[in-house]
C-alpha atoms as a PDB file:
ATOM      1  CA  UNK A   1    -153.899 -22.231-173.479  1.00  0.00           C
ATOM      2  CA  UNK A   2    -156.003 -21.958-176.781  1.00  0.00           C
ATOM      3  CA  UNK A   3    -157.861 -24.919-178.211  1.00  0.00           C
ATOM      4  CA  UNK A   4    -155.803 -25.036-181.357  1.00  0.00           C
ATOM      5  CA  UNK A   5    -152.592 -25.744-179.234  1.00  0.00           C
ATOM      6  CA  UNK A   6    -154.324 -28.218-177.189  1.00  0.00           C
ATOM      7  CA  UNK A   7    -155.554 -30.072-180.218  1.00  0.00           C
ATOM      8  CA  UNK A   8    -151.976 -30.114-181.807  1.00  0.00           C
ATOM      9  CA  UNK A   9    -150.726 -31.875-178.690  1.00  0.00           C
ATOM     10  CA  UNK A  10    -153.107 -34.883-178.953  1.00  0.00           C
ATOM     11  CA  UNK A  11    -153.595 -35.105-182.849  1.00  0.00           C
ATOM     12  CA  UNK A  12    -151.530 -38.047-183.797  1.00  0.00           C
ATOM     13  CA  UNK A  13    -152.473 -37.563-187.734  1.00  0.00           C
ATOM     14  CA  UNK A  14    -150.408 -34.495-188.068  1.00  0.00           C
ATOM     15  CA  UNK A  15    -147.715 -34.327-190.766  1.00  0.00           C
ATOM     16  CA  UNK A  16    -144.156 -34.865-189.335  1.00  0.00           C
ATOM     17  CA  UNK A  17    -143.000 -31.623-190.725  1.00  0.00           C
ATOM     18  CA  UNK A  18    -145.752 -29.764-188.982  1.00  0.00           C
ATOM     19  CA  UNK A  19    -144.794 -31.447-185.710  1.00  0.00           C
ATOM     20  CA  UNK A  20    -141.042 -30.666-186.166  1.00  0.00           C
ATOM     21  CA  UNK A  21    -141.897 -27.013-186.941  1.00  0.00           C
ATOM     22  CA  UNK A  22    -144.005 -26.627-183.933  1.00  0.00           C
ATOM     23  CA  UNK A  23    -141.038 -28.059-181.657  1.00  0.00           C
ATOM     24  CA  UNK A  24    -138.744 -25.575-183.569  1.00  0.00           C
ATOM     25  CA  UNK A  25    -141.113 -22.679-182.540  1.00  0.00           C
ATOM     26  CA  UNK A  26    -141.649 -23.777-178.965  1.00  0.00           C
ATOM     27  CA  UNK A  27    -138.000 -24.694-177.976  1.00  0.00           C
ATOM     28  CA  UNK A  28    -136.822 -21.166-177.351  1.00  0.00           C
ATOM     29  CA  UNK A  29    -140.011 -20.491-175.155  1.00  0.00           C
ATOM     30  CA  UNK A  30    -139.332 -23.554-173.267  1.00  0.00           C
ATOM     31  CA  UNK A  31    -135.697 -22.868-172.525  1.00  0.00           C
ATOM     32  CA  UNK A  32    -136.553 -19.261-171.556  1.00  0.00           C
ATOM     33  CA  UNK A  33    -139.357 -20.380-169.248  1.00  0.00           C
ATOM     34  CA  UNK A  34    -137.141 -22.940-167.626  1.00  0.00           C
ATOM     35  CA  UNK A  35    -134.721 -20.037-166.629  1.00  0.00           C
ATOM     36  CA  UNK A  36    -137.577 -17.941-165.419  1.00  0.00           C
ATOM     37  CA  UNK A  37    -139.358 -20.710-163.605  1.00  0.00           C
ATOM     38  CA  UNK A  38    -135.938 -21.431-161.709  1.00  0.00           C
ATOM     39  CA  UNK A  39    -135.507 -17.788-160.743  1.00  0.00           C
ATOM     40  CA  UNK A  40    -139.019 -17.579-159.361  1.00  0.00           C
ATOM     41  CA  UNK A  41    -138.586 -20.787-157.410  1.00  0.00           C
ATOM     42  CA  UNK A  42    -135.320 -19.479-155.953  1.00  0.00           C
ATOM     43  CA  UNK A  43    -137.188 -16.500-154.769  1.00  0.00           C
ATOM     44  CA  UNK A  44    -139.964 -18.566-153.139  1.00  0.00           C
ATOM     45  CA  UNK A  45    -137.376 -20.760-151.564  1.00  0.00           C
ATOM     46  CA  UNK A  46    -134.985 -17.905-150.240  1.00  0.00           C
ATOM     47  CA  UNK A  47    -137.736 -15.882-149.009  1.00  0.00           C
ATOM     48  CA  UNK A  48    -139.898 -18.690-147.748  1.00  0.00           C
ATOM     49  CA  UNK A  49    -143.217 -17.520-149.584  1.00  0.00           C
ATOM     50  CA  UNK A  50    -144.325 -21.076-149.305  1.00  0.00           C
ATOM     51  CA  UNK A  51    -144.665 -20.759-145.522  1.00  0.00           C
ATOM     52  CA  UNK A  52    -148.071 -18.954-145.607  1.00  0.00           C
ATOM     53  CA  UNK A  53    -150.002 -22.170-146.870  1.00  0.00           C
ATOM     54  CA  UNK A  54    -147.566 -25.009-146.508  1.00  0.00           C
ATOM     55  CA  UNK A  55    -145.517 -26.760-143.947  1.00  0.00           C
ATOM     56  CA  UNK A  56    -142.499 -27.308-146.037  1.00  0.00           C
ATOM     57  CA  UNK A  57    -141.002 -26.098-149.337  1.00  0.00           C
ATOM     58  CA  UNK A  58    -141.234 -29.743-150.452  1.00  0.00           C
ATOM     59  CA  UNK A  59    -144.938 -29.809-149.971  1.00  0.00           C
ATOM     60  CA  UNK A  60    -145.224 -26.381-151.924  1.00  0.00           C
ATOM     61  CA  UNK A  61    -143.249 -27.598-154.699  1.00  0.00           C
ATOM     62  CA  UNK A  62    -145.298 -30.944-155.249  1.00  0.00           C
ATOM     63  CA  UNK A  63    -148.641 -29.323-154.751  1.00  0.00           C
ATOM     64  CA  UNK A  64    -148.109 -26.115-156.755  1.00  0.00           C
ATOM     65  CA  UNK A  65    -145.787 -27.186-159.524  1.00  0.00           C
ATOM     66  CA  UNK A  66    -146.071 -30.995-159.738  1.00  0.00           C
ATOM     67  CA  UNK A  67    -142.244 -31.223-159.523  1.00  0.00           C
ATOM     68  CA  UNK A  68    -140.382 -33.297-156.964  1.00  0.00           C
ATOM     69  CA  UNK A  69    -138.544 -31.418-154.444  1.00  0.00           C
ATOM     70  CA  UNK A  70    -135.148 -32.847-155.759  1.00  0.00           C
ATOM     71  CA  UNK A  71    -136.038 -31.260-159.310  1.00  0.00           C
ATOM     72  CA  UNK A  72    -136.926 -27.962-157.678  1.00  0.00           C
ATOM     73  CA  UNK A  73    -133.674 -27.950-155.662  1.00  0.00           C
ATOM     74  CA  UNK A  74    -131.694 -28.631-158.790  1.00  0.00           C
ATOM     75  CA  UNK A  75    -133.236 -25.798-160.635  1.00  0.00           C
ATOM     76  CA  UNK A  76    -132.556 -23.426-157.523  1.00  0.00           C
ATOM     77  CA  UNK A  77    -128.956 -24.631-157.649  1.00  0.00           C
ATOM     78  CA  UNK A  78    -128.331 -23.841-161.135  1.00  0.00           C
ATOM     79  CA  UNK A  79    -130.182 -20.559-161.076  1.00  0.00           C
ATOM     80  CA  UNK A  80    -127.994 -19.487-157.895  1.00  0.00           C
ATOM     81  CA  UNK A  81    -124.763 -20.682-159.741  1.00  0.00           C
ATOM     82  CA  UNK A  82    -125.677 -18.455-162.592  1.00  0.00           C
ATOM     83  CA  UNK A  83    -126.529 -15.521-160.623  1.00  0.00           C
ATOM     84  CA  UNK A  84    -123.414 -15.894-158.463  1.00  0.00           C
ATOM     85  CA  UNK A  85    -120.989 -15.925-161.474  1.00  0.00           C
ATOM     86  CA  UNK A  86    -123.004 -13.454-163.655  1.00  0.00           C
ATOM     87  CA  UNK A  87    -124.048 -15.899-166.373  1.00  0.00           C
ATOM     88  CA  UNK A  88    -126.772 -14.176-168.020  1.00  0.00           C
ATOM     89  CA  UNK A  89    -130.143 -15.557-168.919  1.00  0.00           C
ATOM     90  CA  UNK A  90    -129.226 -15.089-172.735  1.00  0.00           C
ATOM     91  CA  UNK A  91    -126.115 -17.053-172.110  1.00  0.00           C
ATOM     92  CA  UNK A  92    -127.899 -19.887-170.282  1.00  0.00           C
ATOM     93  CA  UNK A  93    -130.168 -20.070-173.213  1.00  0.00           C
ATOM     94  CA  UNK A  94    -127.231 -20.173-175.578  1.00  0.00           C
ATOM     95  CA  UNK A  95    -125.476 -22.922-173.585  1.00  0.00           C
ATOM     96  CA  UNK A  96    -128.285 -25.055-172.645  1.00  0.00           C
ATOM     97  CA  UNK A  97    -129.699 -25.641-169.163  1.00  0.00           C
ATOM     98  CA  UNK A  98    -129.160 -29.514-169.182  1.00  0.00           C
ATOM     99  CA  UNK A  99    -125.401 -29.077-169.919  1.00  0.00           C
ATOM    100  CA  UNK A 100    -125.088 -26.135-167.448  1.00  0.00           C
ATOM    101  CA  UNK A 101    -126.888 -28.438-164.673  1.00  0.00           C
ATOM    102  CA  UNK A 102    -124.289 -31.084-165.044  1.00  0.00           C
ATOM    103  CA  UNK A 103    -121.399 -28.858-164.288  1.00  0.00           C
ATOM    104  CA  UNK A 104    -122.694 -25.907-162.396  1.00  0.00           C
ATOM    105  CA  UNK A 105    -121.349 -27.113-159.121  1.00  0.00           C
ATOM    106  CA  UNK A 106    -117.713 -27.132-160.725  1.00  0.00           C
ATOM    107  CA  UNK A 107    -117.858 -23.302-161.835  1.00  0.00           C
ATOM    108  CA  UNK A 108    -115.832 -20.930-159.529  1.00  0.00           C
ATOM    109  CA  UNK A 109    -114.198 -17.670-160.445  1.00  0.00           C
ATOM    110  CA  UNK A 110    -110.911 -19.199-161.595  1.00  0.00           C
ATOM    111  CA  UNK A 111    -112.424 -21.404-164.163  1.00  0.00           C
ATOM    112  CA  UNK A 112    -115.669 -19.874-165.147  1.00  0.00           C
ATOM    113  CA  UNK A 113    -114.811 -19.039-168.773  1.00  0.00           C
ATOM    114  CA  UNK A 114    -113.062 -22.377-169.430  1.00  0.00           C
ATOM    115  CA  UNK A 115    -116.171 -24.345-168.080  1.00  0.00           C
ATOM    116  CA  UNK A 116    -118.622 -22.102-170.131  1.00  0.00           C
ATOM    117  CA  UNK A 117    -116.405 -22.682-173.187  1.00  0.00           C
ATOM    118  CA  UNK A 118    -116.423 -26.491-172.547  1.00  0.00           C
ATOM    119  CA  UNK A 119    -120.274 -26.449-172.191  1.00  0.00           C
ATOM    120  CA  UNK A 120    -120.490 -24.772-175.551  1.00  0.00           C
ATOM    121  CA  UNK A 121    -117.982 -26.905-177.270  1.00  0.00           C
ATOM    122  CA  UNK A 122    -118.548 -30.484-175.878  1.00  0.00           C
ATOM    123  CA  UNK A 123    -121.401 -32.925-175.929  1.00  0.00           C
ATOM    124  CA  UNK A 124    -123.115 -33.809-172.824  1.00  0.00           C
ATOM    125  CA  UNK A 125    -121.521 -37.300-172.762  1.00  0.00           C
ATOM    126  CA  UNK A 126    -117.915 -35.529-172.893  1.00  0.00           C
ATOM    127  CA  UNK A 127    -118.757 -33.052-170.138  1.00  0.00           C
ATOM    128  CA  UNK A 128    -120.106 -35.838-168.041  1.00  0.00           C
ATOM    129  CA  UNK A 129    -116.878 -37.900-168.484  1.00  0.00           C
ATOM    130  CA  UNK A 130    -114.661 -34.583-167.950  1.00  0.00           C
ATOM    131  CA  UNK A 131    -116.527 -33.259-164.869  1.00  0.00           C
ATOM    132  CA  UNK A 132    -118.237 -35.906-163.139  1.00  0.00           C
ATOM    133  CA  UNK A 133    -114.955 -38.005-162.651  1.00  0.00           C
ATOM    134  CA  UNK A 134    -113.416 -34.957-160.630  1.00  0.00           C
ATOM    135  CA  UNK A 135    -116.389 -35.118-158.129  1.00  0.00           C
ATOM    136  CA  UNK A 136    -115.899 -38.815-157.062  1.00  0.00           C
ATOM    137  CA  UNK A 137    -112.186 -38.398-156.568  1.00  0.00           C
ATOM    138  CA  UNK A 138    -112.761 -35.175-154.544  1.00  0.00           C
ATOM    139  CA  UNK A 139    -115.397 -36.758-152.461  1.00  0.00           C
ATOM    140  CA  UNK A 140    -113.154 -39.736-151.557  1.00  0.00           C
ATOM    141  CA  UNK A 141    -110.293 -37.416-150.494  1.00  0.00           C
ATOM    142  CA  UNK A 142    -112.413 -35.124-148.404  1.00  0.00           C
ATOM    143  CA  UNK A 143    -113.228 -36.561-145.031  1.00  0.00           C
ATOM    144  CA  UNK A 144    -114.182 -34.492-141.801  1.00  0.00           C
ATOM    145  CA  UNK A 145    -115.996 -34.883-138.589  1.00  0.00           C
ATOM    146  CA  UNK A 146    -119.086 -32.923-137.807  1.00  0.00           C
ATOM    147  CA  UNK A 147    -119.873 -31.762-134.205  1.00  0.00           C
ATOM    148  CA  UNK A 148    -122.854 -33.169-132.607  1.00  0.00           C
ATOM    149  CA  UNK A 149    -124.579 -29.881-132.498  1.00  0.00           C
ATOM    150  CA  UNK A 150    -124.083 -29.553-136.244  1.00  0.00           C
ATOM    151  CA  UNK A 151    -125.436 -33.062-136.859  1.00  0.00           C
ATOM    152  CA  UNK A 152    -128.397 -32.253-134.803  1.00  0.00           C
ATOM    153  CA  UNK A 153    -129.104 -29.057-136.563  1.00  0.00           C
ATOM    154  CA  UNK A 154    -128.632 -31.049-139.979  1.00  0.00           C
ATOM    155  CA  UNK A 155    -131.238 -33.549-138.868  1.00  0.00           C
ATOM    156  CA  UNK A 156    -133.745 -30.744-137.858  1.00  0.00           C
ATOM    157  CA  UNK A 157    -133.175 -28.969-141.087  1.00  0.00           C
ATOM    158  CA  UNK A 158    -133.884 -32.133-143.021  1.00  0.00           C
ATOM    159  CA  UNK A 159    -137.234 -32.332-141.308  1.00  0.00           C
ATOM    160  CA  UNK A 160    -138.151 -28.788-142.921  1.00  0.00           C
ATOM    161  CA  UNK A 161    -136.351 -29.050-146.194  1.00  0.00           C
ATOM    162  CA  UNK A 162    -137.337 -32.805-146.680  1.00  0.00           C
ATOM    163  CA  UNK A 163    -133.965 -33.306-148.140  1.00  0.00           C
ATOM    164  CA  UNK A 164    -131.271 -35.884-147.288  1.00  0.00           C
ATOM    165  CA  UNK A 165    -128.659 -33.701-149.180  1.00  0.00           C
ATOM    166  CA  UNK A 166    -126.192 -32.131-146.553  1.00  0.00           C
ATOM    167  CA  UNK A 167    -125.644 -29.118-148.909  1.00  0.00           C
ATOM    168  CA  UNK A 168    -129.323 -28.388-149.130  1.00  0.00           C
ATOM    169  CA  UNK A 169    -129.749 -28.631-145.284  1.00  0.00           C
ATOM    170  CA  UNK A 170    -126.536 -26.457-144.695  1.00  0.00           C
ATOM    171  CA  UNK A 171    -127.941 -23.928-147.050  1.00  0.00           C
ATOM    172  CA  UNK A 172    -131.412 -24.037-145.198  1.00  0.00           C
ATOM    173  CA  UNK A 173    -129.624 -23.497-141.966  1.00  0.00           C
ATOM    174  CA  UNK A 174    -127.541 -20.590-143.276  1.00  0.00           C
ATOM    175  CA  UNK A 175    -130.688 -18.863-144.888  1.00  0.00           C
ATOM    176  CA  UNK A 176    -132.662 -19.355-141.667  1.00  0.00           C
ATOM    177  CA  UNK A 177    -129.814 -17.985-139.651  1.00  0.00           C
ATOM    178  CA  UNK A 178    -129.449 -14.814-141.885  1.00  0.00           C
ATOM    179  CA  UNK A 179    -133.215 -14.241-141.782  1.00  0.00           C
ATOM    180  CA  UNK A 180    -133.374 -14.559-138.059  1.00  0.00           C
ATOM    181  CA  UNK A 181    -130.462 -12.165-137.608  1.00  0.00           C
ATOM    182  CA  UNK A 182    -131.984  -9.697-139.972  1.00  0.00           C
ATOM    183  CA  UNK A 183    -135.338  -9.891-138.167  1.00  0.00           C
ATOM    184  CA  UNK A 184    -133.671  -9.400-134.863  1.00  0.00           C
ATOM    185  CA  UNK A 185    -131.507  -6.405-136.224  1.00  0.00           C
ATOM    186  CA  UNK A 186    -134.698  -4.610-137.410  1.00  0.00           C
ATOM    187  CA  UNK A 187    -136.192  -5.180-134.103  1.00  0.00           C
ATOM    188  CA  UNK A 188    -133.242  -3.888-132.193  1.00  0.00           C
ATOM    189  CA  UNK A 189    -133.164  -0.790-134.524  1.00  0.00           C
ATOM    190  CA  UNK A 190    -136.840  -0.068-134.112  1.00  0.00           C
ATOM    191  CA  UNK A 191    -136.496  -0.180-130.239  1.00  0.00           C
ATOM    192  CA  UNK A 192    -133.777   2.496-130.147  1.00  0.00           C
END
């Protein structure tokens, strides 16, 4: 970071016009970096690159990025939704990360274009009213019993993922399972 930029962030005697201009110039970079940062975090999480130096992804995130685990998980969740549904980086920048994060969990193949249209056309508050109310209704109507084995696996996963979110821990279990199967299949192929 150059000295001139550092000075601009601490100089309280700048003209309002120069401050507003600097924000206008930095905004596209900030949005672009947020998307790129989320993509890299997703890769670190998926391939467990953090394992070489940290005992958990949460430790890695807090030590290396200064973010809380929940924030990193949110970035990863939104990035994965974009990747899964073919929402390009350019489209994310156009729509805005904050609005997309609000409704990302509601996007599926059947409503993708409608949700993306809503993000572009509606305010954050309107999106929140429209999409968050659906979540509470769905949660109250969906009740099921987990087997004791699944409950134990989720508790164990929570120790490693450092999250109490069942979706995060189910994902942790699934990723671990897939990696284990891939490693075993490579081992079997090499032995033959």
